[in-house]
Amino acid sequence: MGKRLFPKPLPPWWKKCRLVCSTLIVPFCIFQAVRLILLPTTFDVILLGILIGIAVVLQFEWI
């Protein structure tokens, strides 16, 4: 038999934190995309990329 990825269940506070982050990340991404369209800067592009990366990780439950 193979090893389980998480031998212990995740603590309740971690599950709650992940749920809150996954609900808030989409509005942040939309706000950042609108801001990027109106006033594009390098920082905005990098921040939007990071936010989209976090959204993908939370959506596919890689963390």
Protein backbone atom coordinates (compact mmCIF):
# COMPACT_ATOMS: atom_id res chain seq x y z
CA MET A 1 0.00 0.00 0.00
CA GLY A 2 1.19 3.51 -0.80
CA LYS A 3 1.65 6.28 1.68
CA ARG A 4 -1.18 8.69 2.22
CA LEU A 5 -0.47 12.27 1.25
CA PHE A 6 -1.78 13.65 4.55
CA PRO A 7 -1.43 11.08 7.32
CA LYS A 8 -3.42 13.26 9.74
CA PRO A 9 -6.59 15.18 8.97
CA LEU A 10 -6.20 18.93 8.62
CA PRO A 11 -7.09 21.03 11.67
CA PRO A 12 -10.44 22.83 11.63
CA TRP A 13 -8.86 26.31 11.62
CA TRP A 14 -6.92 25.46 8.44
CA LYS A 15 -10.08 24.29 6.67
CA LYS A 16 -11.89 27.48 7.71
CA CYS A 17 -8.98 29.65 6.56
CA ARG A 18 -8.88 27.89 3.18
CA LEU A 19 -12.65 28.33 2.77
CA VAL A 20 -12.50 32.06 3.57
CA CYS A 21 -9.55 32.59 1.22
CA SER A 22 -11.21 30.69 -1.60
CA THR A 23 -14.36 32.83 -1.33
CA LEU A 24 -12.47 36.13 -1.21
CA ILE A 25 -9.85 35.51 -3.90
CA VAL A 26 -12.22 35.82 -6.89
CA PRO A 27 -13.44 39.35 -6.02
CA PHE A 28 -9.82 40.39 -5.41
CA CYS A 29 -8.84 39.02 -8.83
CA ILE A 30 -11.69 40.88 -10.52
CA PHE A 31 -10.82 44.14 -8.75
CA GLN A 32 -7.16 43.76 -9.67
CA ALA A 33 -8.04 43.02 -13.32
CA VAL A 34 -10.16 46.18 -13.53
CA ARG A 35 -7.38 48.17 -11.93
CA LEU A 36 -4.91 46.67 -14.40
CA ILE A 37 -7.08 47.70 -17.35
CA LEU A 38 -7.46 51.27 -16.08
CA LEU A 39 -3.87 51.91 -14.97
CA PRO A 40 -1.44 49.18 -15.98
CA THR A 41 1.81 48.94 -14.03
CA THR A 42 4.33 46.17 -13.58
CA PHE A 43 3.28 45.73 -9.97
CA ASP A 44 -0.36 45.24 -10.99
CA VAL A 45 0.56 42.57 -13.53
CA ILE A 46 2.68 40.69 -10.99
CA LEU A 47 0.01 40.99 -8.28
CA LEU A 48 -2.71 39.73 -10.63
CA GLY A 49 -0.53 36.76 -11.59
CA ILE A 50 0.02 35.90 -7.93
CA LEU A 51 -3.69 36.21 -7.15
CA ILE A 52 -4.65 34.01 -10.10
CA GLY A 53 -2.06 31.46 -8.99
CA ILE A 54 -3.51 31.42 -5.47
CA ALA A 55 -7.02 31.05 -6.90
CA VAL A 56 -5.96 28.06 -9.02
CA VAL A 57 -4.21 26.40 -6.07
CA LEU A 58 -7.27 26.84 -3.86
CA GLN A 59 -9.69 25.72 -6.57
CA PHE A 60 -7.82 22.46 -7.24
CA GLU A 61 -7.15 21.98 -3.49
CA TRP A 62 -3.41 21.56 -3.93
CA ILE A 63 -2.90 22.97 -0.41
